[in-house]
Amino acid sequence: MSQLRHEAEERWQDGQFRRAGVGRGSGLELRPEVRTDRILWLDPAGLTGAQKALWQRLEAVRSAVNRLMYLGLHELEVHFAVYPPGACYRRHLDRFHDQHGTSGRRELSCVLYLNDAWQPQDGGALRIYTGDEDATPCADVLPIGGRLVTFLSARFPHEVLPSRRERFSITGWFRSR
């Protein structure tokens, strides 16, 4: 995890991250009232050693989930994310609205936190809801380094609460065929 954190910090300092948007393809737009984090997509063909090791571990997760839950997970897409102080991501689902019944949709979301000595007063928790529109949160997950959070992409609305210091993670989605 420390090597991944180091890589993320270096790339952040080098200006390689870009403002994250909402939507995809031609519908991608910057919406700072919704999302203010920065991201850097990982290219599966150009992974570093630490990234390859993570990819292999995530592939083991995919295999186990497919065996136990029959989700038909196939492809993985992953990016580094950094939330500068004050950054957040309002309540959302990780599956695009136009993906109902289509192939290649996001099925399982995964977030690996890369933060050292994170404290509750640092903010930046992942707030997960039960799925009901007016539901109260069912969990606030602190972004403690080494913690991996997984959940069904279309089932659990979630948000990232404002962070009070730089918050690093690797976020990925397993897609169906």
Protein backbone atom coordinates (compact mmCIF):
# COMPACT_ATOMS: atom_id res chain seq x y z
CA MET A 1 0.00 0.00 0.00
CA SER A 2 2.80 2.45 0.79
CA GLN A 3 4.21 2.13 -2.73
CA LEU A 4 0.78 2.86 -4.23
CA ARG A 5 0.45 5.88 -1.95
CA HIS A 6 3.89 7.07 -3.03
CA GLU A 7 2.97 6.68 -6.73
CA ALA A 8 -0.28 8.58 -6.22
CA GLU A 9 1.46 11.42 -4.37
CA GLU A 10 4.18 11.71 -7.03
CA ARG A 11 1.67 11.85 -9.86
CA TRP A 12 -0.48 14.32 -7.93
CA GLN A 13 2.54 16.59 -7.39
CA ASP A 14 3.47 16.24 -11.10
CA GLY A 15 0.01 17.49 -12.11
CA GLN A 16 -1.08 14.25 -13.79
CA PHE A 17 -4.53 14.14 -12.14
CA ARG A 18 -7.51 15.82 -13.81
CA ARG A 19 -10.77 17.16 -12.47
CA ALA A 20 -13.31 14.36 -12.22
CA GLY A 21 -16.53 14.65 -14.16
CA VAL A 22 -20.00 13.18 -14.03
CA GLY A 23 -21.29 10.94 -16.84
CA ARG A 24 -19.32 9.32 -19.62
CA GLY A 25 -18.38 9.75 -23.25
CA SER A 26 -19.95 12.76 -24.91
CA GLY A 27 -22.16 13.20 -21.82
CA LEU A 28 -19.19 13.74 -19.48
CA GLU A 29 -19.37 17.11 -17.77
CA LEU A 30 -17.63 18.88 -14.92
CA ARG A 31 -20.13 19.50 -12.12
CA PRO A 32 -18.32 21.04 -9.12
CA GLU A 33 -21.59 21.23 -7.20
CA VAL A 34 -21.60 17.40 -7.33
CA ARG A 35 -17.98 16.32 -7.45
CA THR A 36 -14.66 18.05 -6.69
CA ASP A 37 -12.11 15.22 -6.55
CA ARG A 38 -9.29 14.64 -9.04
CA ILE A 39 -8.58 11.34 -10.80
CA LEU A 40 -5.94 9.52 -12.82
CA TRP A 41 -7.02 6.41 -14.75
CA LEU A 42 -4.71 3.40 -14.65
CA ASP A 43 -3.80 1.77 -17.97
CA PRO A 44 -3.78 -2.05 -17.62
CA ALA A 45 -1.02 -2.21 -20.26
CA GLY A 46 1.27 0.15 -18.32
CA LEU A 47 0.94 -0.90 -14.68
CA THR A 48 3.81 -0.51 -12.24
CA GLY A 49 4.83 -3.45 -10.05
CA ALA A 50 2.71 -2.27 -7.12
CA GLN A 51 -0.25 -1.69 -9.42
CA LYS A 52 0.12 -5.19 -10.91
CA ALA A 53 0.13 -6.68 -7.42
CA LEU A 54 -3.07 -4.80 -6.59
CA TRP A 55 -4.63 -5.85 -9.90
CA GLN A 56 -3.88 -9.51 -9.07
CA ARG A 57 -5.50 -9.16 -5.64
CA LEU A 58 -8.56 -7.54 -7.16
CA GLU A 59 -8.72 -10.36 -9.71
CA ALA A 60 -8.83 -12.80 -6.77
CA VAL A 61 -11.76 -10.79 -5.38
CA ARG A 62 -13.47 -10.98 -8.79
CA SER A 63 -12.98 -14.72 -8.98
CA ALA A 64 -14.34 -15.29 -5.46
CA VAL A 65 -17.36 -13.04 -6.02
CA ASN A 66 -18.17 -14.76 -9.31
CA ARG A 67 -17.91 -18.16 -7.63
CA LEU A 68 -20.06 -17.19 -4.63
CA MET A 69 -22.52 -14.68 -6.05
CA TYR A 70 -22.69 -15.51 -9.79
CA LEU A 71 -22.33 -11.89 -10.85
CA GLY A 72 -20.50 -12.60 -14.11
CA LEU A 73 -17.85 -9.99 -13.42
CA HIS A 74 -15.44 -9.68 -16.30
CA GLU A 75 -13.58 -6.42 -16.79
CA LEU A 76 -11.92 -4.09 -14.27
CA GLU A 77 -11.50 -0.32 -14.60
CA VAL A 78 -9.47 1.56 -11.98
CA HIS A 79 -8.27 5.06 -11.16
CA PHE A 80 -6.33 6.87 -8.47
CA ALA A 81 -8.41 9.53 -6.72
CA VAL A 82 -7.36 12.43 -4.56
CA TYR A 83 -9.68 14.66 -2.57
CA PRO A 84 -7.90 17.91 -1.72
CA PRO A 85 -9.03 19.64 1.49
CA GLY A 86 -12.70 20.59 1.11
CA ALA A 87 -13.34 18.20 -1.78
CA CYS A 88 -16.37 15.90 -1.78
CA TYR A 89 -18.62 13.82 -4.02
CA ARG A 90 -22.37 14.14 -3.45
CA ARG A 91 -24.72 11.17 -3.15
CA HIS A 92 -24.72 8.98 -6.28
CA LEU A 93 -24.75 5.45 -7.67
CA ASP A 94 -21.78 4.02 -9.54
CA ARG A 95 -23.84 2.69 -12.43
CA PHE A 96 -24.67 5.08 -15.24
CA HIS A 97 -28.38 5.77 -15.76
CA ASP A 98 -28.36 4.41 -19.32
CA GLN A 99 -26.88 1.04 -18.36
CA HIS A 100 -30.04 -0.80 -17.34
CA GLY A 101 -30.04 -4.07 -19.21
CA THR A 102 -26.88 -3.36 -21.19
CA SER A 103 -23.64 -5.30 -21.23
CA GLY A 104 -20.43 -3.95 -19.78
CA ARG A 105 -22.13 -2.23 -16.87
CA ARG A 106 -20.56 -1.56 -13.50
CA GLU A 107 -21.59 -4.27 -11.05
CA LEU A 108 -19.19 -4.15 -8.08
CA SER A 109 -17.46 -1.03 -6.76
CA CYS A 110 -14.15 -1.27 -4.87
CA VAL A 111 -12.27 1.44 -2.99
CA LEU A 112 -8.82 0.89 -1.48
CA TYR A 113 -7.69 3.68 0.83
CA LEU A 114 -4.07 4.87 0.78
CA ASN A 115 -4.08 7.29 3.74
CA ASP A 116 -1.65 7.22 6.65
CA ALA A 117 -2.86 7.88 10.21
CA TRP A 118 -6.36 8.99 9.20
CA GLN A 119 -8.44 10.36 12.07
CA PRO A 120 -12.22 11.00 12.29
CA GLN A 121 -11.58 14.76 12.47
CA ASP A 122 -9.92 14.52 9.01
CA GLY A 123 -13.37 14.01 7.46
CA GLY A 124 -13.59 12.37 4.04
CA ALA A 125 -15.69 9.39 5.15
CA LEU A 126 -17.51 7.25 2.60
CA ARG A 127 -21.18 7.45 3.56
CA ILE A 128 -23.22 4.49 2.33
CA TYR A 129 -27.03 4.45 2.19
CA THR A 130 -29.39 1.48 2.16
CA GLY A 131 -30.79 2.41 -1.22
CA ASP A 132 -34.07 4.03 -0.20
CA GLU A 133 -34.36 7.59 -1.49
CA ASP A 134 -35.02 9.06 1.96
CA ALA A 135 -32.99 6.51 3.93
CA THR A 136 -30.61 7.50 6.65
CA PRO A 137 -27.01 6.40 6.15
CA CYS A 138 -26.25 2.81 7.07
CA ALA A 139 -22.49 3.34 7.43
CA ASP A 140 -19.78 6.00 7.49
CA VAL A 141 -16.47 4.40 6.52
CA LEU A 142 -13.28 6.26 7.37
CA PRO A 143 -10.64 6.16 4.61
CA ILE A 144 -8.03 4.37 6.70
CA GLY A 145 -4.99 3.18 4.76
CA GLY A 146 -5.20 -0.46 3.67
CA ARG A 147 -8.98 -0.67 4.07
CA LEU A 148 -10.84 -2.13 1.07
CA VAL A 149 -14.55 -1.39 0.70
CA THR A 150 -16.71 -3.23 -1.85
CA PHE A 151 -20.42 -2.87 -2.61
CA LEU A 152 -22.90 -3.46 -5.41
CA SER A 153 -22.67 -0.49 -7.78
CA ALA A 154 -26.36 -0.17 -8.60
CA ARG A 155 -27.71 -0.98 -5.14
CA PHE A 156 -25.99 1.34 -2.67
CA PRO A 157 -26.07 5.11 -3.08
CA HIS A 158 -23.06 6.69 -1.42
CA GLU A 159 -21.14 9.93 -1.08
CA VAL A 160 -17.74 11.13 0.02
CA LEU A 161 -18.04 13.68 2.80
CA PRO A 162 -15.79 16.76 2.66
CA SER A 163 -12.20 16.00 3.49
CA ARG A 164 -10.10 18.23 5.72
CA ARG A 165 -6.78 16.96 4.35
CA GLU A 166 -5.62 15.24 1.17
CA ARG A 167 -7.41 11.91 0.87
CA PHE A 168 -5.95 9.28 -1.49
CA SER A 169 -7.59 6.12 -2.78
CA ILE A 170 -7.76 3.73 -5.67
CA THR A 171 -11.29 3.26 -6.93
CA GLY A 172 -12.37 0.55 -9.33
CA TRP A 173 -15.37 -1.18 -10.79
CA PHE A 174 -15.85 -4.70 -12.00
CA ARG A 175 -18.04 -4.76 -15.07
CA SER A 176 -20.28 -7.49 -16.43
CA ARG A 177 -19.93 -8.89 -19.93
